[in-house]
Amino acid sequence: MDYTIKKINEKNKDYWRIDFRYYAHSDNLVNQGLIGRSKRVKILASKKNKSQVETHANKIISQSNPDYDNGIFLIKEFFGVGKLVHDPQSNQGQKKLIPNDQDPSLGYWYAKIRFNDYRTFNKPSLKTLEFEFCALKKFVEIAGHQEFDKLDVDTFARDLYRNIQEGGFEWDEISHKARKYTTYKKYLTTIKMACRKLSKKYKKRDIWEHFEPIPEPSKEESKNSKALRVTDEHIKYVYEAMLKQYFVGNQNRGKEIAAYRTNKIDLQWRFYSETGCRRNELTGLTWDKIVLDQNGLPEIKITQQFHSVENKLTELKNRKKCDKIISEQLYKDLMDYKKSMPLIEKKNNIVFPNTFGEFDKRNSLYRTLNNTNKNLFGSLSEGGHKWLRVHDIRHYFATRLIRKGISLADVSQLLGHSNEQVTASIYIQDYKLTDESKSNVRAAL
């Protein structure tokens, strides 16, 4: 490897540009596309002088030191991934692939193949391509400095599985175990496909030929994976941040409108927290379903849900009507909110309509919560294990009741499950003997 250094000016800023070039006696690997002909690094001239840049370039060469003549290469020199950014020259909103300036030793052989397929044939889709790049990034992160031919795939697979497990849901070690295994399998499939393509191109042995996969978690281990259990602190943290961000984001419409909209989002959150209803049940809720029982206490009659595809009210998920209980304070706040609603929002008698008084098909709380998650924890690929979903509030509602000693039959009825077995399969591990239950057991013995 050799390099040249040149001082350039871009956008009124001076840079040192280092151009690296690989040399091989036969140049077969270069001609086959297995090795990039060159790499380029830019450094701000204000940060380093020329001698410091030369030292940096020599350090990069000493770290890479590839022996291409003997067919020896590191994994990171072929399976690195760059950045997908918007392509201003594309009239179809496509992306373009740019190298990673932070690590010039990375090679993008496989990433370029998949990216060219995306640009030429529109397959794989952009979403699939981004997922494959996440898998390759893990591959380089775990085994990037190892030689391809000497990679112990069994050890790597265990390290990959452990890495995904450790990056999982911090507040619950059991939850989403099955989902993590699915991610592990998909990552592994992408990595195996990339390695086999390189083996075929370079006429090397298939290093995955005798691979022993990690067994899938049993149903007993993963049957509770749907019940994401979050802490009170996490719920409170996301809830307060969501209301604050939503109010600030609506202030350009005026303080009164911002306060009204924020109150509307707050009431939806509290409604989910106190009833554990499903998203479509809340979207399709009308004012005539909020009633007072014979004792003058408020309750909700859930008899229908909104079908987003058919854009109309339909039967409930399991065709089982249910009654929800809410606090008197929430009932009072709902009545005050009803009085403050604009006339256009009242026309169809919907409790939480959109700004035109129609069913809120896009669900404002759902979108607001997703935006808050992105601001607090990053994108799904970066901090998805910390995201709080709308449906998690339903699980939180059920878990809270169970841990306070409410019977399984009552919780099942409040959730609107078809039978108690469904509730038990999700939440049974939350049941613990209360002091009263222990006394009853002792008396029975």
Protein backbone atom coordinates (compact mmCIF):
# COMPACT_ATOMS: atom_id res chain seq x y z
CA MET A 1 0.00 0.00 0.00
CA ASP A 2 1.19 3.48 -0.86
CA TYR A 3 -0.29 6.94 -0.40
CA THR A 4 -0.16 10.54 -1.60
CA ILE A 5 -1.08 13.69 0.35
CA LYS A 6 -2.63 16.77 -1.22
CA LYS A 7 -4.06 19.98 0.26
CA ILE A 8 -7.51 20.87 -1.12
CA ASN A 9 -10.22 23.45 -0.47
CA GLU A 10 -13.89 22.51 -0.24
CA LYS A 11 -16.68 24.88 0.79
CA ASN A 12 -14.16 27.47 1.99
CA LYS A 13 -12.40 24.95 4.24
CA ASP A 14 -8.88 23.56 3.82
CA TYR A 15 -8.41 19.78 4.00
CA TRP A 16 -5.56 17.29 3.77
CA ARG A 17 -6.57 14.54 1.34
CA ILE A 18 -4.80 11.19 1.69
CA ASP A 19 -5.15 8.82 -1.28
CA PHE A 20 -4.21 5.21 -0.49
CA ARG A 21 -3.57 2.65 -3.23
CA TYR A 22 -3.14 -1.10 -2.94
CA TYR A 23 -0.53 -2.96 -4.98
CA ALA A 24 -0.47 -6.70 -5.70
CA HIS A 25 1.97 -8.46 -8.04
CA SER A 26 -0.76 -10.28 -9.95
CA ASP A 27 -3.57 -7.72 -9.40
CA ASN A 28 -6.02 -10.64 -9.71
CA LEU A 29 -7.86 -9.71 -6.55
CA VAL A 30 -8.18 -6.11 -7.70
CA ASN A 31 -9.49 -7.13 -11.12
CA GLN A 32 -12.02 -9.51 -9.55
CA GLY A 33 -13.36 -6.70 -7.43
CA LEU A 34 -12.32 -8.37 -4.18
CA ILE A 35 -10.01 -5.48 -3.25
CA GLY A 36 -10.69 -1.81 -3.76
CA ARG A 37 -8.06 -0.06 -5.86
CA SER A 38 -7.87 2.90 -3.54
CA LYS A 39 -9.19 4.58 -0.42
CA ARG A 40 -9.47 8.25 0.40
CA VAL A 41 -9.37 10.06 3.75
CA LYS A 42 -9.99 13.76 4.40
CA ILE A 43 -8.69 15.61 7.47
CA LEU A 44 -9.31 19.26 8.36
CA ALA A 45 -6.11 21.23 7.82
CA SER A 46 -6.81 23.27 10.94
CA LYS A 47 -6.47 20.14 13.09
CA LYS A 48 -3.21 18.62 11.74
CA ASN A 49 -0.11 19.83 9.95
CA LYS A 50 1.48 17.84 7.09
CA SER A 51 3.89 15.85 9.28
CA GLN A 52 1.02 14.83 11.57
CA VAL A 53 -1.00 13.74 8.52
CA GLU A 54 1.94 11.60 7.33
CA THR A 55 2.14 9.98 10.77
CA HIS A 56 -1.61 9.29 10.63
CA ALA A 57 -1.30 7.75 7.14
CA ASN A 58 1.58 5.47 8.22
CA LYS A 59 -0.47 4.37 11.24
CA ILE A 60 -3.37 3.39 8.96
CA ILE A 61 -1.01 1.36 6.75
CA SER A 62 0.55 -0.40 9.76
CA GLN A 63 -2.92 -1.31 11.08
CA SER A 64 -4.17 -2.74 7.77
CA ASN A 65 -1.00 -4.46 6.45
CA PRO A 66 -2.88 -6.84 4.10
CA ASP A 67 -1.10 -9.74 2.44
CA TYR A 68 -3.19 -9.99 -0.72
CA ASP A 69 -0.57 -11.89 -2.74
CA ASN A 70 -1.09 -14.93 -0.52
CA GLY A 71 -4.88 -14.55 -0.50
CA ILE A 72 -4.89 -13.50 3.16
CA PHE A 73 -7.38 -10.81 4.08
CA LEU A 74 -9.32 -9.57 7.04
CA ILE A 75 -13.11 -9.70 7.29
CA LYS A 76 -13.40 -5.95 7.72
CA GLU A 77 -11.68 -5.39 4.36
CA PHE A 78 -14.59 -6.99 2.49
CA PHE A 79 -17.71 -6.76 4.66
CA GLY A 80 -17.63 -3.18 5.89
CA VAL A 81 -20.65 -0.93 5.37
CA GLY A 82 -20.69 2.76 4.56
CA LYS A 83 -23.50 5.24 5.04
CA LEU A 84 -26.77 5.39 3.11
CA VAL A 85 -27.63 9.03 2.45
CA HIS A 86 -30.12 10.80 0.21
CA ASP A 87 -29.01 11.03 -3.42
CA PRO A 88 -29.78 14.56 -4.68
CA GLN A 89 -29.39 13.38 -8.30
CA SER A 90 -32.12 10.75 -7.97
CA ASN A 91 -35.65 11.80 -8.92
CA GLN A 92 -37.11 8.71 -7.20
CA GLY A 93 -35.86 9.48 -3.70
CA GLN A 94 -33.18 6.77 -3.83
CA LYS A 95 -30.14 6.60 -1.58
CA LYS A 96 -26.44 6.57 -2.35
CA LEU A 97 -23.64 4.72 -0.56
CA ILE A 98 -20.69 6.73 0.78
CA PRO A 99 -17.56 5.34 2.50
CA ASN A 100 -16.95 5.56 6.22
CA ASP A 101 -14.32 8.28 6.64
CA GLN A 102 -13.76 7.30 10.27
CA ASP A 103 -12.27 3.91 9.36
CA PRO A 104 -10.43 3.90 5.99
CA SER A 105 -9.39 0.25 6.47
CA LEU A 106 -12.96 -0.92 5.78
CA GLY A 107 -13.75 -2.48 2.40
CA TYR A 108 -17.21 -2.47 0.86
CA TRP A 109 -17.10 -5.35 -1.60
CA TYR A 110 -20.32 -7.10 -0.56
CA ALA A 111 -22.10 -3.88 0.46
CA LYS A 112 -21.50 -2.48 -3.05
CA ILE A 113 -22.93 -5.62 -4.67
CA ARG A 114 -26.14 -5.40 -2.66
CA PHE A 115 -26.35 -1.64 -3.14
CA ASN A 116 -25.97 -1.97 -6.93
CA ASP A 117 -28.79 -4.56 -6.93
CA TYR A 118 -30.96 -2.06 -5.06
CA ARG A 119 -30.20 0.78 -7.49
CA THR A 120 -30.50 -1.36 -10.64
CA PHE A 121 -33.37 -3.78 -9.88
CA ASN A 122 -34.93 -2.13 -6.79
CA LYS A 123 -34.31 -5.46 -5.02
CA PRO A 124 -33.57 -5.80 -2.18
CA SER A 125 -35.83 -3.05 -0.87
CA LEU A 126 -34.26 -0.15 1.02
CA LYS A 127 -35.61 -1.53 4.31
CA THR A 128 -34.04 -4.94 3.63
CA LEU A 129 -30.77 -3.32 2.57
CA GLU A 130 -30.58 -1.32 5.79
CA PHE A 131 -31.23 -4.49 7.80
CA GLU A 132 -28.47 -6.36 5.92
CA PHE A 133 -26.08 -3.48 6.59
CA CYS A 134 -26.90 -3.76 10.32
CA ALA A 135 -26.00 -7.47 10.16
CA LEU A 136 -22.71 -6.77 8.35
CA LYS A 137 -21.90 -4.06 10.87
CA LYS A 138 -22.26 -6.63 13.67
CA PHE A 139 -20.09 -9.04 11.67
CA VAL A 140 -17.28 -6.49 11.41
CA GLU A 141 -17.74 -5.35 15.00
CA ILE A 142 -17.32 -8.88 16.39
CA ALA A 143 -14.91 -10.53 13.93
CA GLY A 144 -13.57 -7.70 11.76
CA HIS A 145 -9.88 -8.25 12.62
CA GLN A 146 -9.95 -12.02 12.01
CA GLU A 147 -8.82 -13.70 8.79
CA PHE A 148 -11.70 -14.99 6.70
CA ASP A 149 -10.28 -18.50 6.22
CA LYS A 150 -9.54 -18.92 9.94
CA LEU A 151 -12.90 -17.72 11.29
CA ASP A 152 -14.40 -20.10 13.86
CA VAL A 153 -18.05 -19.80 12.84
CA ASP A 154 -19.40 -21.61 15.92
CA THR A 155 -17.61 -19.21 18.26
CA PHE A 156 -18.69 -16.23 16.16
CA ALA A 157 -22.35 -17.39 16.20
CA ARG A 158 -22.27 -17.64 20.01
CA ASP A 159 -20.67 -14.19 20.26
CA LEU A 160 -23.31 -12.76 17.91
CA TYR A 161 -26.15 -14.30 19.93
CA ARG A 162 -24.66 -12.99 23.18
CA ASN A 163 -24.22 -9.54 21.65
CA ILE A 164 -27.88 -9.40 20.60
CA GLN A 165 -29.02 -10.67 24.01
CA GLU A 166 -26.97 -8.03 25.84
CA GLY A 167 -28.39 -5.33 23.60
CA GLY A 168 -31.92 -6.38 24.49
CA PHE A 169 -34.55 -5.06 26.85
CA GLU A 170 -32.71 -3.79 29.92
CA TRP A 171 -35.73 -3.82 32.23
CA ASP A 172 -36.75 -7.43 31.60
CA GLU A 173 -34.37 -10.32 31.05
CA ILE A 174 -37.14 -12.75 30.02
CA SER A 175 -39.22 -10.53 27.77
CA HIS A 176 -38.72 -10.74 24.01
CA LYS A 177 -36.33 -13.68 24.17
CA ALA A 178 -38.01 -15.19 21.12
CA ARG A 179 -37.80 -11.91 19.24
CA LYS A 180 -34.07 -11.66 19.94
CA TYR A 181 -33.55 -15.18 18.57
CA THR A 182 -35.42 -14.21 15.39
CA THR A 183 -33.11 -11.20 14.95
CA TYR A 184 -30.10 -13.45 15.52
CA LYS A 185 -31.32 -15.89 12.84
CA LYS A 186 -31.89 -13.13 10.30
CA TYR A 187 -28.48 -11.57 10.97
CA LEU A 188 -26.82 -14.96 10.64
CA THR A 189 -28.60 -15.68 7.34
CA THR A 190 -27.32 -12.40 5.87
CA ILE A 191 -23.75 -13.04 7.07
CA LYS A 192 -23.73 -16.62 5.74
CA MET A 193 -24.99 -15.42 2.35
CA ALA A 194 -22.24 -12.79 2.18
CA CYS A 195 -19.50 -15.28 3.15
CA ARG A 196 -20.65 -17.89 0.65
CA LYS A 197 -20.67 -15.31 -2.14
CA LEU A 198 -17.06 -14.46 -1.33
CA SER A 199 -16.10 -18.15 -1.10
CA LYS A 200 -17.61 -18.82 -4.51
CA LYS A 201 -15.97 -15.79 -6.09
CA TYR A 202 -12.56 -16.54 -4.61
CA LYS A 203 -12.90 -20.36 -4.90
CA LYS A 204 -12.46 -20.96 -1.20
CA ARG A 205 -14.04 -23.57 1.06
CA ASP A 206 -17.43 -22.86 2.60
CA ILE A 207 -16.56 -21.94 6.19
CA TRP A 208 -20.23 -22.46 7.23
CA GLU A 209 -20.41 -26.03 5.92
CA HIS A 210 -20.21 -27.74 9.33
CA PHE A 211 -21.88 -25.02 11.38
CA GLU A 212 -23.94 -26.13 14.40
CA PRO A 213 -26.75 -23.58 14.99
CA ILE A 214 -27.78 -22.47 18.47
CA PRO A 215 -31.12 -24.14 19.37
CA GLU A 216 -34.22 -21.96 19.48
CA PRO A 217 -35.62 -21.10 22.95
CA SER A 218 -38.39 -23.44 24.04
CA LYS A 219 -42.03 -22.36 24.10
CA GLU A 220 -41.94 -22.43 27.89
CA GLU A 221 -39.15 -19.82 27.87
CA SER A 222 -40.78 -17.55 25.30
CA LYS A 223 -44.52 -17.89 25.97
CA ASN A 224 -44.51 -14.65 28.02
CA SER A 225 -42.61 -12.68 25.40
CA LYS A 226 -45.69 -10.59 24.48
CA ALA A 227 -45.94 -9.08 27.95
CA LEU A 228 -43.33 -6.35 27.91
CA ARG A 229 -42.93 -5.28 31.51
CA VAL A 230 -41.60 -1.76 32.01
CA THR A 231 -40.77 0.06 35.21
CA ASP A 232 -42.79 2.91 36.68
CA GLU A 233 -39.76 5.18 36.24
CA HIS A 234 -39.50 4.41 32.50
CA ILE A 235 -43.22 5.01 31.96
CA LYS A 236 -43.07 8.33 33.82
CA TYR A 237 -39.91 9.45 32.00
CA VAL A 238 -41.38 8.84 28.52
CA TYR A 239 -44.81 10.26 29.47
CA GLU A 240 -43.44 13.58 30.79
CA ALA A 241 -41.02 13.98 27.88
CA MET A 242 -43.81 13.28 25.37
CA LEU A 243 -46.15 15.96 26.78
CA LYS A 244 -43.36 18.54 26.99
CA GLN A 245 -42.14 17.92 23.42
CA TYR A 246 -45.68 17.88 22.02
CA PHE A 247 -46.58 21.20 23.66
CA VAL A 248 -43.39 22.88 22.41
CA GLY A 249 -43.97 21.48 18.91
CA ASN A 250 -47.49 22.98 18.74
CA GLN A 251 -46.70 26.42 20.17
CA ASN A 252 -46.39 27.91 16.68
CA ARG A 253 -50.18 27.41 16.37
CA GLY A 254 -50.79 29.48 19.49
CA LYS A 255 -50.67 28.67 23.20
CA GLU A 256 -54.40 27.90 23.47
CA ILE A 257 -54.32 25.37 20.62
CA ALA A 258 -51.08 23.86 21.96
CA ALA A 259 -52.65 23.46 25.41
CA TYR A 260 -55.83 21.89 23.95
CA ARG A 261 -53.91 19.41 21.78
CA THR A 262 -51.55 18.48 24.62
CA ASN A 263 -54.51 17.89 26.92
CA LYS A 264 -56.05 15.65 24.25
CA ILE A 265 -52.88 13.54 24.04
CA ASP A 266 -52.68 13.42 27.85
CA LEU A 267 -56.29 12.15 28.11
CA GLN A 268 -55.61 9.42 25.53
CA TRP A 269 -52.58 8.24 27.50
CA ARG A 270 -54.54 8.22 30.76
CA PHE A 271 -57.41 6.39 29.08
CA TYR A 272 -55.02 3.64 27.91
CA SER A 273 -53.46 3.47 31.39
CA GLU A 274 -56.79 3.13 33.22
CA THR A 275 -58.62 0.82 30.80
CA GLY A 276 -55.94 -1.22 29.01
CA CYS A 277 -57.96 -0.94 25.80
CA ARG A 278 -56.58 -1.69 22.35
CA ARG A 279 -55.62 1.09 19.95
CA ASN A 280 -58.50 0.48 17.51
CA GLU A 281 -60.98 0.36 20.40
CA LEU A 282 -59.98 3.86 21.51
CA THR A 283 -59.97 5.18 17.93
CA GLY A 284 -63.56 3.98 17.45
CA LEU A 285 -64.84 5.20 20.85
CA THR A 286 -67.92 7.48 20.75
CA TRP A 287 -69.35 9.64 23.53
CA ASP A 288 -72.50 7.52 23.97
CA LYS A 289 -70.27 4.63 25.22
CA ILE A 290 -69.13 6.65 28.26
CA VAL A 291 -71.93 6.19 30.81
CA LEU A 292 -72.67 6.15 34.53
CA ASP A 293 -73.72 2.88 36.17
CA GLN A 294 -76.61 2.48 38.65
CA ASN A 295 -74.35 3.74 41.46
CA GLY A 296 -73.42 6.86 39.54
CA LEU A 297 -69.87 5.62 38.80
CA PRO A 298 -68.35 6.02 35.31
CA GLU A 299 -67.72 3.10 33.00
CA ILE A 300 -67.04 2.51 29.30
CA LYS A 301 -69.05 0.17 27.08
CA ILE A 302 -66.64 -1.26 24.50
CA THR A 303 -68.79 -2.80 21.74
CA GLN A 304 -66.94 -1.99 18.51
CA GLN A 305 -63.58 -1.00 17.10
CA PHE A 306 -62.30 1.06 14.17
CA HIS A 307 -61.03 -0.94 11.18
CA SER A 308 -58.27 1.13 9.59
CA VAL A 309 -58.35 -0.73 6.24
CA GLU A 310 -62.14 -0.65 5.75
CA ASN A 311 -62.26 2.82 7.39
CA LYS A 312 -65.36 2.02 9.45
CA LEU A 313 -66.52 0.59 12.77
CA THR A 314 -66.53 -3.22 12.99
CA GLU A 315 -66.96 -5.97 15.58
CA LEU A 316 -64.32 -6.39 18.27
CA LYS A 317 -61.28 -8.58 17.74
CA ASN A 318 -62.78 -11.64 19.47
CA ARG A 319 -66.43 -10.47 19.19
CA LYS A 320 -66.63 -10.22 22.98
CA LYS A 321 -68.04 -6.98 24.37
CA CYS A 322 -66.50 -5.68 27.59
CA ASP A 323 -66.99 -2.95 30.16
CA LYS A 324 -64.10 -0.74 31.23
CA ILE A 325 -63.81 1.08 34.55
CA ILE A 326 -62.33 4.58 34.78
CA SER A 327 -61.70 6.92 37.72
CA GLU A 328 -64.08 9.74 38.53
CA GLN A 329 -61.26 12.24 37.95
CA LEU A 330 -60.69 10.96 34.39
CA TYR A 331 -64.46 11.09 33.75
CA LYS A 332 -64.59 14.72 34.94
CA ASP A 333 -61.58 15.65 32.77
CA LEU A 334 -63.19 13.97 29.75
CA MET A 335 -66.40 15.98 30.22
CA ASP A 336 -64.38 19.21 30.49
CA TYR A 337 -62.49 18.24 27.34
CA LYS A 338 -65.81 17.58 25.54
CA LYS A 339 -66.98 21.12 26.32
CA SER A 340 -63.72 22.60 24.96
CA MET A 341 -63.83 20.66 21.66
CA PRO A 342 -64.18 22.74 18.47
CA LEU A 343 -67.52 22.33 16.67
CA ILE A 344 -65.94 20.58 13.70
CA GLU A 345 -64.54 17.84 15.99
CA LYS A 346 -67.95 17.27 17.62
CA LYS A 347 -69.88 16.54 14.42
CA ASN A 348 -69.52 12.71 14.49
CA ASN A 349 -69.68 12.25 18.28
CA ILE A 350 -66.16 10.69 18.33
CA VAL A 351 -64.24 11.02 21.59
CA PHE A 352 -60.77 11.46 20.08
CA PRO A 353 -61.25 12.52 16.42
CA ASN A 354 -58.76 14.11 14.05
CA THR A 355 -58.90 17.85 13.32
CA PHE A 356 -61.73 17.29 10.79
CA GLY A 357 -63.95 15.40 13.22
CA GLU A 358 -63.34 12.03 11.49
CA PHE A 359 -61.88 8.85 12.96
CA ASP A 360 -58.20 9.44 13.77
CA LYS A 361 -56.92 6.78 11.38
CA ARG A 362 -53.27 7.71 11.89
CA ASN A 363 -53.71 7.87 15.69
CA SER A 364 -52.09 11.04 17.03
CA LEU A 365 -50.87 9.41 20.27
CA TYR A 366 -49.18 6.61 18.32
CA ARG A 367 -47.28 9.10 16.13
CA THR A 368 -46.46 11.40 19.04
CA LEU A 369 -45.10 8.53 21.13
CA ASN A 370 -42.95 7.28 18.24
CA ASN A 371 -41.46 10.76 17.74
CA THR A 372 -40.70 10.95 21.48
CA ASN A 373 -39.01 7.53 21.37
CA LYS A 374 -36.80 8.67 18.49
CA ASN A 375 -35.82 11.86 20.32
CA LEU A 376 -35.06 10.06 23.60
CA PHE A 377 -33.49 6.79 22.46
CA GLY A 378 -32.61 7.14 18.77
CA SER A 379 -33.92 5.12 15.83
CA LEU A 380 -35.27 1.57 16.10
CA SER A 381 -31.91 0.11 15.02
CA GLU A 382 -30.02 2.22 17.61
CA GLY A 383 -32.27 2.20 20.69
CA GLY A 384 -35.33 0.16 19.78
CA HIS A 385 -34.97 -1.96 22.92
CA LYS A 386 -35.88 1.13 24.98
CA TRP A 387 -38.85 2.22 22.88
CA LEU A 388 -42.24 2.34 24.60
CA ARG A 389 -45.12 1.28 22.35
CA VAL A 390 -48.80 2.18 22.80
CA HIS A 391 -49.60 -1.52 23.30
CA ASP A 392 -47.03 -1.69 26.12
CA ILE A 393 -49.35 0.56 28.16
CA ARG A 394 -51.97 -2.21 27.90
CA HIS A 395 -49.46 -4.76 29.21
CA TYR A 396 -48.46 -2.34 31.98
CA PHE A 397 -52.13 -1.94 32.96
CA ALA A 398 -52.64 -5.71 33.20
CA THR A 399 -49.39 -6.38 35.06
CA ARG A 400 -50.14 -3.65 37.60
CA LEU A 401 -53.61 -5.11 38.38
CA ILE A 402 -52.28 -8.66 38.69
CA ARG A 403 -49.51 -7.65 41.08
CA LYS A 404 -52.12 -5.87 43.26
CA GLY A 405 -54.03 -9.14 43.67
CA ILE A 406 -56.86 -8.73 41.10
CA SER A 407 -58.11 -12.16 40.02
CA LEU A 408 -57.24 -13.65 36.65
CA ALA A 409 -60.92 -13.79 35.67
CA ASP A 410 -61.41 -10.05 36.36
CA VAL A 411 -58.24 -9.04 34.48
CA SER A 412 -59.27 -11.21 31.52
CA GLN A 413 -62.68 -9.54 31.41
CA LEU A 414 -61.21 -6.02 31.63
CA LEU A 415 -58.74 -6.76 28.82
CA GLY A 416 -61.48 -8.23 26.63
CA HIS A 417 -59.74 -11.57 26.15
CA SER A 418 -61.81 -14.42 24.75
CA ASN A 419 -61.03 -16.62 27.78
CA GLU A 420 -58.83 -16.78 30.89
CA GLN A 421 -56.34 -19.12 29.22
CA VAL A 422 -55.24 -16.32 26.88
CA THR A 423 -54.61 -14.02 29.85
CA ALA A 424 -52.81 -16.76 31.78
CA SER A 425 -50.49 -17.59 28.87
CA ILE A 426 -49.24 -13.97 28.82
CA TYR A 427 -49.33 -12.84 32.44
CA ILE A 428 -49.26 -15.96 34.65
CA GLN A 429 -45.67 -15.34 35.74
CA ASP A 430 -46.77 -12.07 37.39
CA TYR A 431 -48.98 -13.86 39.89
CA LYS A 432 -47.47 -14.01 43.35
CA LEU A 433 -49.14 -15.10 46.55
CA THR A 434 -50.34 -12.10 48.56
CA ASP A 435 -50.37 -12.15 52.38
CA GLU A 436 -54.14 -12.68 52.32
CA SER A 437 -53.79 -15.59 49.91
CA LYS A 438 -51.08 -17.16 52.04
CA SER A 439 -53.39 -16.92 55.11
CA ASN A 440 -56.20 -18.58 53.19
CA VAL A 441 -53.89 -21.41 52.11
CA ARG A 442 -52.70 -21.96 55.67
CA ALA A 443 -56.31 -22.02 56.91
CA ALA A 444 -57.22 -24.58 54.25
CA LEU A 445 -54.33 -26.80 55.29
